[in-house]
């Protein structure tokens, strides 16, 4: 399966939250700076993640985002579907899988 750019950025941002946001909210500006992702793009992604209850927002000074569930409780399928446009995950063709296997063996 392939991950779209949107999905890859969402996973990257959520990993950043998991690694850097133990108990205090992390601002999108901090994530943007660390991961080199556009702040406006992160705002769009986190809007979807918040609607799908994967992250929680904290308002006010010192506010930001927290993971809504413990790291182990967030299944990867919900992360995929929350950022999916039409076809975020596409199966690889048989030819692409064969090429990938050959490259691993070489």
PDB file of N, CA and C in Angstrom:
ATOM      1  N   UNK A   1       0.834  -1.185   0.000  1.00  0.00           N
ATOM      2  CA  UNK A   1       0.000   0.000   0.000  1.00  0.00           C
ATOM      3  C   UNK A   1       0.875   1.243   0.000  1.00  0.00           C
ATOM      4  N   UNK A   2       0.336   2.276  -0.584  1.00  0.00           N
ATOM      5  CA  UNK A   2       1.053   3.539  -0.633  1.00  0.00           C
ATOM      6  C   UNK A   2       0.397   4.558   0.265  1.00  0.00           C
ATOM      7  N   UNK A   3       1.205   5.397   0.820  1.00  0.00           N
ATOM      8  CA  UNK A   3       0.732   6.471   1.671  1.00  0.00           C
ATOM      9  C   UNK A   3       0.830   7.772   0.887  1.00  0.00           C
ATOM     10  N   UNK A   4      -0.244   8.526   0.850  1.00  0.00           N
ATOM     11  CA  UNK A   4      -0.216   9.805   0.142  1.00  0.00           C
ATOM     12  C   UNK A   4       0.628  10.807   0.927  1.00  0.00           C
ATOM     13  N   UNK A   5       0.928  11.908   0.297  1.00  0.00           N
ATOM     14  CA  UNK A   5       1.682  12.961   0.974  1.00  0.00           C
ATOM     15  C   UNK A   5       0.921  13.450   2.191  1.00  0.00           C
ATOM     16  N   UNK A   6      -0.382  13.613   2.047  1.00  0.00           N
ATOM     17  CA  UNK A   6      -1.206  14.062   3.168  1.00  0.00           C
ATOM     18  C   UNK A   6      -1.123  13.073   4.327  1.00  0.00           C
ATOM     19  N   UNK A   7      -1.231  11.797   4.016  1.00  0.00           N
ATOM     20  CA  UNK A   7      -1.147  10.776   5.049  1.00  0.00           C
ATOM     21  C   UNK A   7       0.226  10.735   5.699  1.00  0.00           C
ATOM     22  N   UNK A   8       1.276  10.879   4.881  1.00  0.00           N
ATOM     23  CA  UNK A   8       2.634  10.867   5.417  1.00  0.00           C
ATOM     24  C   UNK A   8       2.851  12.051   6.357  1.00  0.00           C
ATOM     25  N   UNK A   9       2.379  13.241   5.970  1.00  0.00           N
ATOM     26  CA  UNK A   9       2.527  14.405   6.836  1.00  0.00           C
ATOM     27  C   UNK A   9       1.712  14.244   8.123  1.00  0.00           C
ATOM     28  N   UNK A  10       0.526  13.664   8.024  1.00  0.00           N
ATOM     29  CA  UNK A  10      -0.299  13.454   9.216  1.00  0.00           C
ATOM     30  C   UNK A  10       0.386  12.498  10.181  1.00  0.00           C
ATOM     31  N   UNK A  11       0.928  11.416   9.664  1.00  0.00           N
ATOM     32  CA  UNK A  11       1.624  10.452  10.512  1.00  0.00           C
ATOM     33  C   UNK A  11       2.869  11.089  11.124  1.00  0.00           C
ATOM     34  N   UNK A  12       3.605  11.855  10.323  1.00  0.00           N
ATOM     35  CA  UNK A  12       4.796  12.539  10.827  1.00  0.00           C
ATOM     36  C   UNK A  12       4.443  13.498  11.955  1.00  0.00           C
ATOM     37  N   UNK A  13       3.373  14.269  11.773  1.00  0.00           N
ATOM     38  CA  UNK A  13       2.959  15.228  12.795  1.00  0.00           C
ATOM     39  C   UNK A  13       2.476  14.517  14.064  1.00  0.00           C
ATOM     40  N   UNK A  14       1.764  13.411  13.901  1.00  0.00           N
ATOM     41  CA  UNK A  14       1.295  12.675  15.075  1.00  0.00           C
ATOM     42  C   UNK A  14       2.463  12.016  15.808  1.00  0.00           C
ATOM     43  N   UNK A  15       3.452  11.553  15.076  1.00  0.00           N
ATOM     44  CA  UNK A  15       4.653  11.014  15.717  1.00  0.00           C
ATOM     45  C   UNK A  15       5.387  12.107  16.478  1.00  0.00           C
ATOM     46  N   UNK A  16       5.429  13.289  15.902  1.00  0.00           N
ATOM     47  CA  UNK A  16       6.050  14.414  16.586  1.00  0.00           C
ATOM     48  C   UNK A  16       5.318  14.697  17.895  1.00  0.00           C
ATOM     49  N   UNK A  17       3.987  14.665  17.850  1.00  0.00           N
ATOM     50  CA  UNK A  17       3.203  14.855  19.076  1.00  0.00           C
ATOM     51  C   UNK A  17       3.522  13.771  20.096  1.00  0.00           C
ATOM     52  N   UNK A  18       3.592  12.539  19.640  1.00  0.00           N
ATOM     53  CA  UNK A  18       3.842  11.423  20.545  1.00  0.00           C
ATOM     54  C   UNK A  18       5.229  11.523  21.179  1.00  0.00           C
ATOM     55  N   UNK A  19       6.211  11.945  20.403  1.00  0.00           N
ATOM     56  CA  UNK A  19       7.575  12.003  20.914  1.00  0.00           C
ATOM     57  C   UNK A  19       7.856  13.242  21.757  1.00  0.00           C
ATOM     58  N   UNK A  20       7.215  14.358  21.430  1.00  0.00           N
ATOM     59  CA  UNK A  20       7.536  15.622  22.099  1.00  0.00           C
ATOM     60  C   UNK A  20       6.456  16.126  23.051  1.00  0.00           C
ATOM     61  N   UNK A  21       5.275  15.573  22.993  1.00  0.00           N
ATOM     62  CA  UNK A  21       4.187  16.086  23.813  1.00  0.00           C
ATOM     63  C   UNK A  21       3.748  15.130  24.889  1.00  0.00           C
ATOM     64  N   UNK A  22       4.572  14.949  25.890  1.00  0.00           N
ATOM     65  CA  UNK A  22       4.235  13.996  26.944  1.00  0.00           C
ATOM     66  C   UNK A  22       2.979  14.419  27.694  1.00  0.00           C
ATOM     67  N   UNK A  23       2.971  15.609  28.258  1.00  0.00           N
ATOM     68  CA  UNK A  23       1.791  16.044  28.998  1.00  0.00           C
ATOM     69  C   UNK A  23       1.376  17.468  28.655  1.00  0.00           C
ATOM     70  N   UNK A  24       2.247  18.197  27.995  1.00  0.00           N
ATOM     71  CA  UNK A  24       1.902  19.577  27.644  1.00  0.00           C
ATOM     72  C   UNK A  24       1.548  19.668  26.162  1.00  0.00           C
ATOM     73  N   UNK A  25       0.635  20.544  25.816  1.00  0.00           N
ATOM     74  CA  UNK A  25       0.244  20.700  24.407  1.00  0.00           C
ATOM     75  C   UNK A  25       1.415  21.194  23.561  1.00  0.00           C
ATOM     76  N   UNK A  26       1.445  20.751  22.320  1.00  0.00           N
ATOM     77  CA  UNK A  26       2.476  21.142  21.363  1.00  0.00           C
ATOM     78  C   UNK A  26       1.829  22.023  20.307  1.00  0.00           C
ATOM     79  N   UNK A  27       2.416  23.176  20.046  1.00  0.00           N
ATOM     80  CA  UNK A  27       1.846  24.078  19.048  1.00  0.00           C
ATOM     81  C   UNK A  27       2.194  23.598  17.640  1.00  0.00           C
ATOM     82  N   UNK A  28       1.331  23.950  16.702  1.00  0.00           N
ATOM     83  CA  UNK A  28       1.588  23.596  15.305  1.00  0.00           C
ATOM     84  C   UNK A  28       2.834  24.300  14.780  1.00  0.00           C
ATOM     85  N   UNK A  29       3.133  25.484  15.324  1.00  0.00           N
ATOM     86  CA  UNK A  29       4.336  26.200  14.901  1.00  0.00           C
ATOM     87  C   UNK A  29       5.584  25.392  15.264  1.00  0.00           C
ATOM     88  N   UNK A  30       5.577  24.745  16.436  1.00  0.00           N
ATOM     89  CA  UNK A  30       6.715  23.909  16.837  1.00  0.00           C
ATOM     90  C   UNK A  30       6.849  22.700  15.917  1.00  0.00           C
ATOM     91  N   UNK A  31       5.727  22.060  15.627  1.00  0.00           N
ATOM     92  CA  UNK A  31       5.750  20.897  14.722  1.00  0.00           C
ATOM     93  C   UNK A  31       6.224  21.332  13.340  1.00  0.00           C
ATOM     94  N   UNK A  32       5.715  22.460  12.879  1.00  0.00           N
ATOM     95  CA  UNK A  32       6.078  22.986  11.565  1.00  0.00           C
ATOM     96  C   UNK A  32       7.586  23.236  11.473  1.00  0.00           C
ATOM     97  N   UNK A  33       8.133  23.806  12.519  1.00  0.00           N
ATOM     98  CA  UNK A  33       9.568  24.115  12.531  1.00  0.00           C
ATOM     99  C   UNK A  33      10.409  22.833  12.567  1.00  0.00           C
ATOM    100  N   UNK A  34      10.026  21.887  13.420  1.00  0.00           N
ATOM    101  CA  UNK A  34      10.805  20.648  13.542  1.00  0.00           C
ATOM    102  C   UNK A  34      10.711  19.772  12.303  1.00  0.00           C
ATOM    103  N   UNK A  35       9.510  19.664  11.727  1.00  0.00           N
ATOM    104  CA  UNK A  35       9.285  18.739  10.624  1.00  0.00           C
ATOM    105  C   UNK A  35       9.366  19.401   9.248  1.00  0.00           C
ATOM    106  N   UNK A  36       9.515  20.720   9.227  1.00  0.00           N
ATOM    107  CA  UNK A  36       9.583  21.472   7.977  1.00  0.00           C
ATOM    108  C   UNK A  36       8.354  21.244   7.094  1.00  0.00           C
ATOM    109  N   UNK A  37       7.186  21.367   7.734  1.00  0.00           N
ATOM    110  CA  UNK A  37       5.898  21.264   7.054  1.00  0.00           C
ATOM    111  C   UNK A  37       5.221  22.622   7.183  1.00  0.00           C
ATOM    112  N   UNK A  38       4.598  23.076   6.134  1.00  0.00           N
ATOM    113  CA  UNK A  38       3.925  24.372   6.137  1.00  0.00           C
ATOM    114  C   UNK A  38       2.905  24.454   7.274  1.00  0.00           C
ATOM    115  N   UNK A  39       2.906  25.580   7.974  1.00  0.00           N
ATOM    116  CA  UNK A  39       1.976  25.775   9.082  1.00  0.00           C
ATOM    117  C   UNK A  39       0.528  25.735   8.604  1.00  0.00           C
ATOM    118  N   UNK A  40       0.232  26.361   7.480  1.00  0.00           N
ATOM    119  CA  UNK A  40      -1.152  26.363   6.989  1.00  0.00           C
ATOM    120  C   UNK A  40      -1.596  24.950   6.601  1.00  0.00           C
ATOM    121  N   UNK A  41      -0.673  24.137   6.088  1.00  0.00           N
ATOM    122  CA  UNK A  41      -1.009  22.751   5.744  1.00  0.00           C
ATOM    123  C   UNK A  41      -1.275  21.940   7.012  1.00  0.00           C
ATOM    124  N   UNK A  42      -0.469  22.164   8.041  1.00  0.00           N
ATOM    125  CA  UNK A  42      -0.693  21.480   9.323  1.00  0.00           C
ATOM    126  C   UNK A  42      -2.049  21.865   9.917  1.00  0.00           C
ATOM    127  N   UNK A  43      -2.441  23.119   9.774  1.00  0.00           N
ATOM    128  CA  UNK A  43      -3.744  23.548  10.286  1.00  0.00           C
ATOM    129  C   UNK A  43      -4.874  22.774   9.612  1.00  0.00           C
ATOM    130  N   UNK A  44      -4.754  22.559   8.305  1.00  0.00           N
ATOM    131  CA  UNK A  44      -5.765  21.781   7.596  1.00  0.00           C
ATOM    132  C   UNK A  44      -5.777  20.327   8.061  1.00  0.00           C
ATOM    133  N   UNK A  45      -4.594  19.742   8.199  1.00  0.00           N
ATOM    134  CA  UNK A  45      -4.502  18.353   8.646  1.00  0.00           C
ATOM    135  C   UNK A  45      -5.066  18.175  10.049  1.00  0.00           C
ATOM    136  N   UNK A  46      -4.694  19.075  10.952  1.00  0.00           N
ATOM    137  CA  UNK A  46      -5.136  18.927  12.337  1.00  0.00           C
ATOM    138  C   UNK A  46      -6.623  19.200  12.493  1.00  0.00           C
ATOM    139  N   UNK A  47      -7.191  19.955  11.590  1.00  0.00           N
ATOM    140  CA  UNK A  47      -8.637  20.128  11.602  1.00  0.00           C
ATOM    141  C   UNK A  47      -9.316  18.780  11.381  1.00  0.00           C
ATOM    142  N   UNK A  48      -8.817  18.014  10.420  1.00  0.00           N
ATOM    143  CA  UNK A  48      -9.370  16.673  10.153  1.00  0.00           C
ATOM    144  C   UNK A  48      -9.073  15.711  11.303  1.00  0.00           C
ATOM    145  N   UNK A  49      -7.853  15.759  11.810  1.00  0.00           N
ATOM    146  CA  UNK A  49      -7.492  14.867  12.914  1.00  0.00           C
ATOM    147  C   UNK A  49      -8.349  15.155  14.151  1.00  0.00           C
ATOM    148  N   UNK A  50      -8.635  16.436  14.402  1.00  0.00           N
ATOM    149  CA  UNK A  50      -9.467  16.808  15.547  1.00  0.00           C
ATOM    150  C   UNK A  50     -10.913  16.333  15.351  1.00  0.00           C
ATOM    151  N   UNK A  51     -11.444  16.495  14.128  1.00  0.00           N
ATOM    152  CA  UNK A  51     -12.807  16.018  13.849  1.00  0.00           C
ATOM    153  C   UNK A  51     -12.924  14.515  14.012  1.00  0.00           C
ATOM    154  N   UNK A  52     -11.852  13.794  13.704  1.00  0.00           N
ATOM    155  CA  UNK A  52     -11.855  12.342  13.849  1.00  0.00           C
ATOM    156  C   UNK A  52     -11.392  11.889  15.233  1.00  0.00           C
ATOM    157  N   UNK A  53     -11.265  12.845  16.147  1.00  0.00           N
ATOM    158  CA  UNK A  53     -10.947  12.603  17.555  1.00  0.00           C
ATOM    159  C   UNK A  53      -9.629  11.870  17.769  1.00  0.00           C
ATOM    160  N   UNK A  54      -8.639  12.158  16.909  1.00  0.00           N
ATOM    161  CA  UNK A  54      -7.310  11.590  17.105  1.00  0.00           C
ATOM    162  C   UNK A  54      -6.420  12.523  17.907  1.00  0.00           C
ATOM    163  N   UNK A  55      -6.729  13.821  17.863  1.00  0.00           N
ATOM    164  CA  UNK A  55      -6.004  14.801  18.664  1.00  0.00           C
ATOM    165  C   UNK A  55      -7.013  15.689  19.384  1.00  0.00           C
ATOM    166  N   UNK A  56      -6.554  16.308  20.455  1.00  0.00           N
ATOM    167  CA  UNK A  56      -7.368  17.237  21.224  1.00  0.00           C
ATOM    168  C   UNK A  56      -6.678  18.585  21.200  1.00  0.00           C
ATOM    169  N   UNK A  57      -7.447  19.641  21.012  1.00  0.00           N
ATOM    170  CA  UNK A  57      -6.844  20.975  20.998  1.00  0.00           C
ATOM    171  C   UNK A  57      -7.013  21.634  22.363  1.00  0.00           C
ATOM    172  N   UNK A  58      -6.005  22.414  22.729  1.00  0.00           N
ATOM    173  CA  UNK A  58      -6.027  23.186  23.967  1.00  0.00           C
ATOM    174  C   UNK A  58      -5.866  24.637  23.564  1.00  0.00           C
ATOM    175  N   UNK A  59      -6.820  25.478  23.969  1.00  0.00           N
ATOM    176  CA  UNK A  59      -6.794  26.886  23.577  1.00  0.00           C
ATOM    177  C   UNK A  59      -6.057  27.731  24.602  1.00  0.00           C
ATOM    178  N   UNK A  60      -5.684  28.932  24.162  1.00  0.00           N
ATOM    179  CA  UNK A  60      -5.078  29.902  25.063  1.00  0.00           C
ATOM    180  C   UNK A  60      -3.562  29.865  25.052  1.00  0.00           C
ATOM    181  N   UNK A  61      -2.965  30.713  25.904  1.00  0.00           N
ATOM    182  CA  UNK A  61      -1.506  30.734  25.978  1.00  0.00           C
ATOM    183  C   UNK A  61      -0.979  29.363  26.407  1.00  0.00           C
ATOM    184  N   UNK A  62       0.037  28.913  25.746  1.00  0.00           N
ATOM    185  CA  UNK A  62       0.564  27.585  26.068  1.00  0.00           C
ATOM    186  C   UNK A  62      -0.272  26.468  25.479  1.00  0.00           C
ATOM    187  N   UNK A  63      -1.233  26.819  24.629  1.00  0.00           N
ATOM    188  CA  UNK A  63      -2.102  25.822  24.022  1.00  0.00           C
ATOM    189  C   UNK A  63      -1.441  25.129  22.852  1.00  0.00           C
ATOM    190  N   UNK A  64      -2.142  24.174  22.308  1.00  0.00           N
ATOM    191  CA  UNK A  64      -1.635  23.409  21.183  1.00  0.00           C
ATOM    192  C   UNK A  64      -2.456  22.144  21.033  1.00  0.00           C
ATOM    193  N   UNK A  65      -1.801  21.057  20.701  1.00  0.00           N
ATOM    194  CA  UNK A  65      -2.491  19.793  20.476  1.00  0.00           C
ATOM    195  C   UNK A  65      -1.862  18.674  21.291  1.00  0.00           C
ATOM    196  N   UNK A  66      -2.715  17.743  21.682  1.00  0.00           N
ATOM    197  CA  UNK A  66      -2.304  16.525  22.378  1.00  0.00           C
ATOM    198  C   UNK A  66      -2.914  15.339  21.657  1.00  0.00           C
ATOM    199  N   UNK A  67      -2.246  14.187  21.743  1.00  0.00           N
ATOM    200  CA  UNK A  67      -2.865  12.966  21.233  1.00  0.00           C
ATOM    201  C   UNK A  67      -4.077  12.675  22.093  1.00  0.00           C
ATOM    202  N   UNK A  68      -5.157  12.263  21.469  1.00  0.00           N
ATOM    203  CA  UNK A  68      -6.389  12.024  22.203  1.00  0.00           C
ATOM    204  C   UNK A  68      -6.384  10.678  22.925  1.00  0.00           C
ATOM    205  N   UNK A  69      -5.601   9.738  22.428  1.00  0.00           N
ATOM    206  CA  UNK A  69      -5.548   8.407  23.020  1.00  0.00           C
ATOM    207  C   UNK A  69      -4.103   8.066  23.340  1.00  0.00           C
ATOM    208  N   UNK A  70      -3.916   7.099  24.223  1.00  0.00           N
ATOM    209  CA  UNK A  70      -2.538   6.646  24.437  1.00  0.00           C
ATOM    210  C   UNK A  70      -1.965   6.125  23.124  1.00  0.00           C
ATOM    211  N   UNK A  71      -0.656   6.204  22.975  1.00  0.00           N
ATOM    212  CA  UNK A  71      -0.018   5.801  21.715  1.00  0.00           C
ATOM    213  C   UNK A  71      -0.415   4.398  21.289  1.00  0.00           C
ATOM    214  N   UNK A  72      -0.483   3.485  22.215  1.00  0.00           N
ATOM    215  CA  UNK A  72      -0.774   2.089  21.865  1.00  0.00           C
ATOM    216  C   UNK A  72      -2.235   1.873  21.480  1.00  0.00           C
ATOM    217  N   UNK A  73      -3.120   2.792  21.847  1.00  0.00           N
ATOM    218  CA  UNK A  73      -4.550   2.588  21.605  1.00  0.00           C
ATOM    219  C   UNK A  73      -5.035   3.149  20.276  1.00  0.00           C
ATOM    220  N   UNK A  74      -4.205   3.908  19.564  1.00  0.00           N
ATOM    221  CA  UNK A  74      -4.636   4.521  18.303  1.00  0.00           C
ATOM    222  C   UNK A  74      -4.325   3.581  17.147  1.00  0.00           C
ATOM    223  N   UNK A  75      -5.331   2.868  16.641  1.00  0.00           N
ATOM    224  CA  UNK A  75      -5.066   1.939  15.540  1.00  0.00           C
ATOM    225  C   UNK A  75      -4.691   2.688  14.267  1.00  0.00           C
ATOM    226  N   UNK A  76      -3.842   2.070  13.471  1.00  0.00           N
ATOM    227  CA  UNK A  76      -3.371   2.737  12.261  1.00  0.00           C
ATOM    228  C   UNK A  76      -4.501   2.970  11.266  1.00  0.00           C
ATOM    229  N   UNK A  77      -5.535   2.150  11.276  1.00  0.00           N
ATOM    230  CA  UNK A  77      -6.636   2.326  10.325  1.00  0.00           C
ATOM    231  C   UNK A  77      -7.350   3.655  10.544  1.00  0.00           C
ATOM    232  N   UNK A  78      -7.545   4.056  11.812  1.00  0.00           N
ATOM    233  CA  UNK A  78      -8.229   5.326  12.046  1.00  0.00           C
ATOM    234  C   UNK A  78      -7.358   6.489  11.613  1.00  0.00           C
ATOM    235  N   UNK A  79      -6.034   6.355  11.723  1.00  0.00           N
ATOM    236  CA  UNK A  79      -5.147   7.405  11.231  1.00  0.00           C
ATOM    237  C   UNK A  79      -5.259   7.509   9.721  1.00  0.00           C
ATOM    238  N   UNK A  80      -5.351   6.371   9.051  1.00  0.00           N
ATOM    239  CA  UNK A  80      -5.459   6.381   7.588  1.00  0.00           C
ATOM    240  C   UNK A  80      -6.751   7.027   7.141  1.00  0.00           C
ATOM    241  N   UNK A  81      -7.872   6.608   7.713  1.00  0.00           N
ATOM    242  CA  UNK A  81      -9.158   7.078   7.223  1.00  0.00           C
ATOM    243  C   UNK A  81      -9.417   8.539   7.558  1.00  0.00           C
ATOM    244  N   UNK A  82      -8.756   9.067   8.589  1.00  0.00           N
ATOM    245  CA  UNK A  82      -9.025  10.446   8.959  1.00  0.00           C
ATOM    246  C   UNK A  82      -8.413  11.443   7.988  1.00  0.00           C
ATOM    247  N   UNK A  83      -7.393  11.038   7.255  1.00  0.00           N
ATOM    248  CA  UNK A  83      -6.766  11.964   6.315  1.00  0.00           C
ATOM    249  C   UNK A  83      -7.038  11.586   4.876  1.00  0.00           C
ATOM    250  N   UNK A  84      -7.811  10.551   4.662  1.00  0.00           N
ATOM    251  CA  UNK A  84      -8.038  10.048   3.309  1.00  0.00           C
ATOM    252  C   UNK A  84      -8.844  11.035   2.481  1.00  0.00           C
ATOM    253  N   UNK A  85      -8.394  11.264   1.288  1.00  0.00           N
ATOM    254  CA  UNK A  85      -9.213  12.003   0.340  1.00  0.00           C
ATOM    255  C   UNK A  85     -10.028  10.959  -0.389  1.00  0.00           C
ATOM    256  N   UNK A  86      -9.824  10.770  -1.638  1.00  0.00           N
ATOM    257  CA  UNK A  86     -10.593   9.736  -2.329  1.00  0.00           C
ATOM    258  C   UNK A  86      -9.960   8.373  -2.146  1.00  0.00           C
ATOM    259  N   UNK A  87      -8.658   8.295  -2.450  1.00  0.00           N
ATOM    260  CA  UNK A  87      -7.973   7.014  -2.315  1.00  0.00           C
ATOM    261  C   UNK A  87      -6.597   7.249  -1.700  1.00  0.00           C
ATOM    262  N   UNK A  88      -6.554   7.437  -0.399  1.00  0.00           N
ATOM    263  CA  UNK A  88      -5.282   7.702   0.250  1.00  0.00           C
ATOM    264  C   UNK A  88      -4.377   6.480   0.223  1.00  0.00           C
ATOM    265  N   UNK A  89      -4.965   5.323   0.331  1.00  0.00           N
ATOM    266  CA  UNK A  89      -4.178   4.098   0.333  1.00  0.00           C
ATOM    267  C   UNK A  89      -4.505   3.327  -0.924  1.00  0.00           C
ATOM    268  N   UNK A  90      -3.529   3.087  -1.758  1.00  0.00           N
ATOM    269  CA  UNK A  90      -3.744   2.349  -2.991  1.00  0.00           C
ATOM    270  C   UNK A  90      -2.839   1.131  -2.995  1.00  0.00           C
ATOM    271  N   UNK A  91      -3.353  -0.029  -3.369  1.00  0.00           N
ATOM    272  CA  UNK A  91      -2.487  -1.192  -3.436  1.00  0.00           C
ATOM    273  C   UNK A  91      -1.465  -1.039  -4.549  1.00  0.00           C
ATOM    274  N   UNK A  92      -0.276  -1.537  -4.307  1.00  0.00           N
ATOM    275  CA  UNK A  92       0.751  -1.493  -5.337  1.00  0.00           C
ATOM    276  C   UNK A  92       0.434  -2.515  -6.403  1.00  0.00           C
ATOM    277  N   UNK A  93       0.855  -2.244  -7.597  1.00  0.00           N
ATOM    278  CA  UNK A  93       0.657  -3.209  -8.673  1.00  0.00           C
ATOM    279  C   UNK A  93       1.573  -4.404  -8.441  1.00  0.00           C
ATOM    280  N   UNK A  94       1.256  -5.510  -9.067  1.00  0.00           N
ATOM    281  CA  UNK A  94       2.073  -6.714  -8.935  1.00  0.00           C
ATOM    282  C   UNK A  94       3.486  -6.458  -9.435  1.00  0.00           C
ATOM    283  N   UNK A  95       3.614  -5.656 -10.470  1.00  0.00           N
ATOM    284  CA  UNK A  95       4.941  -5.356 -11.011  1.00  0.00           C
ATOM    285  C   UNK A  95       5.770  -4.568  -9.999  1.00  0.00           C
ATOM    286  N   UNK A  96       5.147  -3.595  -9.352  1.00  0.00           N
ATOM    287  CA  UNK A  96       5.871  -2.793  -8.367  1.00  0.00           C
ATOM    288  C   UNK A  96       6.318  -3.651  -7.187  1.00  0.00           C
ATOM    289  N   UNK A  97       5.465  -4.585  -6.764  1.00  0.00           N
ATOM    290  CA  UNK A  97       5.847  -5.488  -5.661  1.00  0.00           C
ATOM    291  C   UNK A  97       7.008  -6.378  -6.075  1.00  0.00           C
ATOM    292  N   UNK A  98       6.988  -6.863  -7.308  1.00  0.00           N
ATOM    293  CA  UNK A  98       8.070  -7.723  -7.793  1.00  0.00           C
ATOM    294  C   UNK A  98       9.385  -6.957  -7.846  1.00  0.00           C
ATOM    295  N   UNK A  99       9.330  -5.717  -8.302  1.00  0.00           N
ATOM    296  CA  UNK A  99      10.541  -4.894  -8.359  1.00  0.00           C
ATOM    297  C   UNK A  99      11.071  -4.653  -6.948  1.00  0.00           C
ATOM    298  N   UNK A 100      10.173  -4.357  -6.016  1.00  0.00           N
ATOM    299  CA  UNK A 100      10.595  -4.116  -4.635  1.00  0.00           C
ATOM    300  C   UNK A 100      11.256  -5.364  -4.045  1.00  0.00           C
ATOM    301  N   UNK A 101      10.719  -6.558  -4.333  1.00  0.00           N
ATOM    302  CA  UNK A 101      11.319  -7.792  -3.821  1.00  0.00           C
ATOM    303  C   UNK A 101      12.703  -8.007  -4.411  1.00  0.00           C
ATOM    304  N   UNK A 102      12.841  -7.738  -5.713  1.00  0.00           N
ATOM    305  CA  UNK A 102      14.148  -7.904  -6.369  1.00  0.00           C
ATOM    306  C   UNK A 102      15.183  -6.956  -5.773  1.00  0.00           C
ATOM    307  N   UNK A 103      14.778  -5.730  -5.478  1.00  0.00           N
ATOM    308  CA  UNK A 103      15.710  -4.769  -4.911  1.00  0.00           C
ATOM    309  C   UNK A 103      16.150  -5.187  -3.509  1.00  0.00           C
ATOM    310  N   UNK A 104      15.256  -5.801  -2.747  1.00  0.00           N
ATOM    311  CA  UNK A 104      15.605  -6.265  -1.403  1.00  0.00           C
ATOM    312  C   UNK A 104      16.601  -7.405  -1.482  1.00  0.00           C
ATOM    313  N   UNK A 105      16.454  -8.276  -2.472  1.00  0.00           N
ATOM    314  CA  UNK A 105      17.329  -9.448  -2.605  1.00  0.00           C
ATOM    315  C   UNK A 105      18.708  -9.077  -3.134  1.00  0.00           C
ATOM    316  N   UNK A 106      18.786  -7.973  -3.870  1.00  0.00           N
ATOM    317  CA  UNK A 106      20.060  -7.610  -4.512  1.00  0.00           C
ATOM    318  C   UNK A 106      21.076  -7.106  -3.529  1.00  0.00           C
TER     319      UNK A 106
END
